Amino acid sequence: MTNNNDKAEGRKKALKEFLIGAGVAAAGGIITYISYSTAKPGERYTIFTGVIALGVVYAVHGLYRMAFPLGLKKSDKSTEAAVEEKTAEDDEEDKIAE
């Protein structure tokens, strides 16, 4: 049962990370828009690409963690099968060598 609790807790943290990332990206976009709209024709304005990119990366990471709250892990069955197969191949090679 702890596995389900770990998943639920991981998803809560991931949702928080996603929302923070989306908020940072939106804030960067809003500040960029304000900078653009207050600049008179011919004046300079600032585009906050770093803040927007950081927010997007943070949000995408949060989405990834929501999809895979425990990370990507190989199943124990596939690992055991690979070890058994390798052992069988080694035994056959030893018999051929003799």
N, C-alpha and C. Protein backbone atom coordinates (compact mmCIF):
# COMPACT_ATOMS: atom_id res chain seq x y z
N MET A 1 0.81 -1.20 0.00
CA MET A 1 0.00 0.00 0.00
C MET A 1 0.85 1.26 0.00
N THR A 2 2.06 1.16 0.48
CA THR A 2 2.91 2.36 0.51
C THR A 2 3.21 2.84 -0.90
N ASN A 3 3.19 1.92 -1.86
CA ASN A 3 3.46 2.30 -3.24
C ASN A 3 2.41 3.29 -3.73
N ASN A 4 1.14 3.05 -3.41
CA ASN A 4 0.07 3.97 -3.80
C ASN A 4 0.20 5.31 -3.10
N ASN A 5 0.59 5.27 -1.82
CA ASN A 5 0.80 6.52 -1.08
C ASN A 5 1.95 7.31 -1.67
N ASP A 6 3.02 6.60 -2.06
CA ASP A 6 4.17 7.26 -2.69
C ASP A 6 3.76 7.91 -4.01
N LYS A 7 2.93 7.19 -4.79
CA LYS A 7 2.47 7.75 -6.06
C LYS A 7 1.63 9.00 -5.83
N ALA A 8 0.71 8.94 -4.89
CA ALA A 8 -0.16 10.08 -4.61
C ALA A 8 0.65 11.28 -4.14
N GLU A 9 1.61 11.03 -3.26
CA GLU A 9 2.45 12.11 -2.76
C GLU A 9 3.32 12.69 -3.88
N GLY A 10 3.84 11.81 -4.73
CA GLY A 10 4.65 12.26 -5.86
C GLY A 10 3.84 13.09 -6.83
N ARG A 11 2.61 12.70 -7.07
CA ARG A 11 1.75 13.46 -7.99
C ARG A 11 1.39 14.82 -7.41
N LYS A 12 1.19 14.90 -6.10
CA LYS A 12 0.90 16.20 -5.46
C LYS A 12 2.08 17.15 -5.65
N LYS A 13 3.28 16.65 -5.41
CA LYS A 13 4.48 17.48 -5.60
C LYS A 13 4.64 17.87 -7.06
N ALA A 14 4.35 16.94 -7.96
CA ALA A 14 4.48 17.22 -9.39
C ALA A 14 3.47 18.27 -9.83
N LEU A 15 2.26 18.20 -9.31
CA LEU A 15 1.24 19.20 -9.65
C LEU A 15 1.68 20.58 -9.18
N LYS A 16 2.23 20.63 -7.97
CA LYS A 16 2.74 21.90 -7.44
C LYS A 16 3.85 22.44 -8.34
N GLU A 17 4.75 21.56 -8.75
CA GLU A 17 5.86 21.97 -9.64
C GLU A 17 5.32 22.48 -10.98
N PHE A 18 4.32 21.79 -11.52
CA PHE A 18 3.72 22.21 -12.78
C PHE A 18 3.08 23.58 -12.65
N LEU A 19 2.31 23.78 -11.58
CA LEU A 19 1.63 25.06 -11.40
C LEU A 19 2.62 26.21 -11.19
N ILE A 20 3.68 25.96 -10.45
CA ILE A 20 4.70 26.99 -10.27
C ILE A 20 5.36 27.31 -11.61
N GLY A 21 5.70 26.30 -12.37
CA GLY A 21 6.32 26.50 -13.68
C GLY A 21 5.41 27.27 -14.63
N ALA A 22 4.15 26.89 -14.66
CA ALA A 22 3.20 27.59 -15.52
C ALA A 22 3.04 29.04 -15.08
N GLY A 23 3.02 29.26 -13.77
CA GLY A 23 2.91 30.63 -13.24
C GLY A 23 4.12 31.48 -13.59
N VAL A 24 5.31 30.90 -13.49
CA VAL A 24 6.53 31.64 -13.82
C VAL A 24 6.54 31.98 -15.31
N ALA A 25 6.18 31.02 -16.16
CA ALA A 25 6.13 31.28 -17.60
C ALA A 25 5.09 32.35 -17.93
N ALA A 26 3.94 32.27 -17.29
CA ALA A 26 2.89 33.27 -17.52
C ALA A 26 3.34 34.64 -17.03
N ALA A 27 4.01 34.69 -15.88
CA ALA A 27 4.51 35.97 -15.38
C ALA A 27 5.52 36.58 -16.34
N GLY A 28 6.40 35.74 -16.88
CA GLY A 28 7.36 36.23 -17.87
C GLY A 28 6.66 36.77 -19.10
N GLY A 29 5.62 36.10 -19.54
CA GLY A 29 4.85 36.57 -20.69
C GLY A 29 4.12 37.87 -20.41
N ILE A 30 3.55 37.98 -19.23
CA ILE A 30 2.82 39.19 -18.86
C ILE A 30 3.77 40.38 -18.74
N ILE A 31 4.91 40.16 -18.10
CA ILE A 31 5.88 41.26 -17.96
C ILE A 31 6.42 41.67 -19.33
N THR A 32 6.62 40.69 -20.22
CA THR A 32 7.06 41.01 -21.58
C THR A 32 6.00 41.86 -22.29
N TYR A 33 4.74 41.46 -22.15
CA TYR A 33 3.66 42.21 -22.78
C TYR A 33 3.58 43.63 -22.24
N ILE A 34 3.72 43.78 -20.92
CA ILE A 34 3.69 45.12 -20.32
C ILE A 34 4.84 45.96 -20.85
N SER A 35 6.01 45.37 -20.93
CA SER A 35 7.18 46.09 -21.45
C SER A 35 6.94 46.53 -22.90
N TYR A 36 6.36 45.65 -23.69
CA TYR A 36 6.10 45.95 -25.10
C TYR A 36 5.03 47.03 -25.25
N SER A 37 3.96 46.90 -24.46
CA SER A 37 2.84 47.83 -24.63
C SER A 37 3.15 49.23 -24.10
N THR A 38 4.06 49.35 -23.14
CA THR A 38 4.40 50.67 -22.62
C THR A 38 5.48 51.38 -23.43
N ALA A 39 6.17 50.63 -24.32
CA ALA A 39 7.21 51.25 -25.14
C ALA A 39 6.56 52.05 -26.27
N LYS A 40 7.05 53.26 -26.46
CA LYS A 40 6.56 54.08 -27.56
C LYS A 40 7.19 53.60 -28.86
N PRO A 41 6.61 53.93 -29.99
CA PRO A 41 7.19 53.48 -31.27
C PRO A 41 8.66 53.89 -31.38
N GLY A 42 9.50 52.93 -31.71
CA GLY A 42 10.92 53.18 -31.85
C GLY A 42 11.71 52.96 -30.57
N GLU A 43 11.04 52.85 -29.44
CA GLU A 43 11.74 52.60 -28.18
C GLU A 43 12.01 51.11 -28.00
N ARG A 44 12.89 50.82 -27.07
CA ARG A 44 13.23 49.43 -26.78
C ARG A 44 12.27 48.85 -25.74
N TYR A 45 12.12 47.56 -25.81
CA TYR A 45 11.36 46.83 -24.79
C TYR A 45 12.09 45.53 -24.50
N THR A 46 11.74 44.91 -23.43
CA THR A 46 12.45 43.71 -22.98
C THR A 46 11.57 42.48 -23.15
N ILE A 47 12.18 41.44 -23.69
CA ILE A 47 11.51 40.15 -23.80
C ILE A 47 12.16 39.23 -22.77
N PHE A 48 11.39 38.72 -21.85
CA PHE A 48 11.89 37.89 -20.76
C PHE A 48 11.93 36.42 -21.16
N THR A 49 12.76 36.11 -22.14
CA THR A 49 12.81 34.74 -22.66
C THR A 49 13.34 33.75 -21.62
N GLY A 50 14.29 34.19 -20.82
CA GLY A 50 14.85 33.29 -19.81
C GLY A 50 13.81 32.87 -18.78
N VAL A 51 13.02 33.83 -18.33
CA VAL A 51 11.98 33.53 -17.33
C VAL A 51 10.91 32.62 -17.94
N ILE A 52 10.53 32.92 -19.16
CA ILE A 52 9.52 32.10 -19.84
C ILE A 52 10.05 30.68 -20.05
N ALA A 53 11.28 30.56 -20.54
CA ALA A 53 11.85 29.23 -20.79
C ALA A 53 12.00 28.44 -19.50
N LEU A 54 12.46 29.09 -18.44
CA LEU A 54 12.60 28.41 -17.16
C LEU A 54 11.25 27.89 -16.67
N GLY A 55 10.22 28.71 -16.79
CA GLY A 55 8.89 28.29 -16.38
C GLY A 55 8.37 27.12 -17.21
N VAL A 56 8.61 27.16 -18.51
CA VAL A 56 8.16 26.06 -19.39
C VAL A 56 8.88 24.77 -19.03
N VAL A 57 10.18 24.85 -18.84
CA VAL A 57 10.95 23.64 -18.49
C VAL A 57 10.46 23.09 -17.15
N TYR A 58 10.25 23.93 -16.19
CA TYR A 58 9.78 23.51 -14.87
C TYR A 58 8.39 22.87 -14.98
N ALA A 59 7.53 23.46 -15.80
CA ALA A 59 6.18 22.92 -15.98
C ALA A 59 6.21 21.56 -16.68
N VAL A 60 7.04 21.43 -17.71
CA VAL A 60 7.15 20.16 -18.43
C VAL A 60 7.70 19.08 -17.50
N HIS A 61 8.66 19.44 -16.67
CA HIS A 61 9.19 18.48 -15.71
C HIS A 61 8.10 18.04 -14.73
N GLY A 62 7.26 18.98 -14.32
CA GLY A 62 6.14 18.63 -13.45
C GLY A 62 5.16 17.68 -14.13
N LEU A 63 4.89 17.91 -15.41
CA LEU A 63 4.01 17.00 -16.16
C LEU A 63 4.62 15.61 -16.26
N TYR A 64 5.91 15.55 -16.50
CA TYR A 64 6.59 14.26 -16.58
C TYR A 64 6.47 13.51 -15.26
N ARG A 65 6.69 14.23 -14.16
CA ARG A 65 6.60 13.60 -12.84
C ARG A 65 5.17 13.20 -12.50
N MET A 66 4.18 13.89 -13.06
CA MET A 66 2.79 13.45 -12.85
C MET A 66 2.53 12.14 -13.58
N ALA A 67 3.11 12.00 -14.76
CA ALA A 67 2.91 10.78 -15.54
C ALA A 67 3.67 9.61 -14.93
N PHE A 68 4.87 9.86 -14.42
CA PHE A 68 5.70 8.81 -13.84
C PHE A 68 6.13 9.23 -12.43
N PRO A 69 5.25 9.14 -11.45
CA PRO A 69 5.57 9.65 -10.11
C PRO A 69 6.70 8.90 -9.41
N LEU A 70 6.92 7.66 -9.76
CA LEU A 70 8.00 6.88 -9.14
C LEU A 70 9.21 6.76 -10.06
N GLY A 71 9.19 7.43 -11.19
CA GLY A 71 10.29 7.35 -12.15
C GLY A 71 10.13 6.14 -13.04
N LEU A 72 11.04 6.01 -13.97
CA LEU A 72 11.03 4.86 -14.87
C LEU A 72 11.92 3.78 -14.28
N LYS A 73 11.33 2.66 -13.95
CA LYS A 73 12.08 1.56 -13.37
C LYS A 73 11.83 0.31 -14.19
N LYS A 74 12.87 -0.50 -14.36
CA LYS A 74 12.69 -1.78 -15.03
C LYS A 74 12.02 -2.74 -14.07
N SER A 75 11.19 -3.60 -14.62
CA SER A 75 10.54 -4.58 -13.76
C SER A 75 11.55 -5.65 -13.35
N ASP A 76 11.35 -6.21 -12.20
CA ASP A 76 12.25 -7.25 -11.69
C ASP A 76 12.19 -8.51 -12.55
N LYS A 77 11.04 -8.79 -13.13
CA LYS A 77 10.88 -9.99 -13.94
C LYS A 77 11.77 -9.94 -15.17
N SER A 78 11.83 -8.80 -15.85
CA SER A 78 12.65 -8.71 -17.05
C SER A 78 14.13 -8.82 -16.70
N THR A 79 14.53 -8.28 -15.57
CA THR A 79 15.92 -8.37 -15.13
C THR A 79 16.29 -9.81 -14.81
N GLU A 80 15.41 -10.50 -14.10
CA GLU A 80 15.67 -11.89 -13.75
C GLU A 80 15.75 -12.76 -14.99
N ALA A 81 14.89 -12.54 -15.96
CA ALA A 81 14.90 -13.32 -17.20
C ALA A 81 16.20 -13.09 -17.96
N ALA A 82 16.68 -11.85 -17.99
CA ALA A 82 17.92 -11.55 -18.69
C ALA A 82 19.11 -12.22 -18.01
N VAL A 83 19.11 -12.25 -16.69
CA VAL A 83 20.20 -12.90 -15.94
C VAL A 83 20.18 -14.40 -16.19
N GLU A 84 18.99 -15.01 -16.16
CA GLU A 84 18.88 -16.45 -16.39
C GLU A 84 19.32 -16.80 -17.81
N GLU A 85 18.94 -15.96 -18.78
CA GLU A 85 19.31 -16.21 -20.17
C GLU A 85 20.83 -16.12 -20.33
N LYS A 86 21.44 -15.12 -19.72
CA LYS A 86 22.88 -14.95 -19.81
C LYS A 86 23.60 -16.12 -19.16
N THR A 87 23.10 -16.61 -18.04
CA THR A 87 23.70 -17.75 -17.35
C THR A 87 23.63 -18.99 -18.23
N ALA A 88 22.50 -19.20 -18.90
CA ALA A 88 22.33 -20.35 -19.78
C ALA A 88 23.31 -20.27 -20.95
N GLU A 89 23.51 -19.09 -21.50
CA GLU A 89 24.46 -18.91 -22.61
C GLU A 89 25.88 -19.18 -22.15
N ASP A 90 26.24 -18.73 -20.97
CA ASP A 90 27.58 -18.97 -20.43
C ASP A 90 27.82 -20.47 -20.22
N ASP A 91 26.80 -21.19 -19.73
CA ASP A 91 26.94 -22.64 -19.52
C ASP A 91 27.18 -23.35 -20.85
N GLU A 92 26.48 -22.94 -21.90
CA GLU A 92 26.64 -23.54 -23.22
C GLU A 92 28.04 -23.26 -23.76
N GLU A 93 28.52 -22.04 -23.56
CA GLU A 93 29.88 -21.71 -24.03
C GLU A 93 30.93 -22.52 -23.30
N ASP A 94 30.72 -22.77 -22.01
CA ASP A 94 31.67 -23.57 -21.23
C ASP A 94 31.68 -25.01 -21.73
N LYS A 95 30.53 -25.55 -22.09
CA LYS A 95 30.46 -26.93 -22.60
C LYS A 95 31.16 -27.02 -23.95
N ILE A 96 31.02 -26.01 -24.80
CA ILE A 96 31.65 -26.03 -26.12
C ILE A 96 33.17 -25.93 -25.96
N ALA A 97 33.61 -25.12 -25.02
CA ALA A 97 35.05 -24.92 -24.80
C ALA A 97 35.72 -26.21 -24.28
N GLU A 98 34.98 -27.04 -23.56
CA GLU A 98 35.56 -28.27 -23.02
C GLU A 98 35.70 -29.26 -24.12
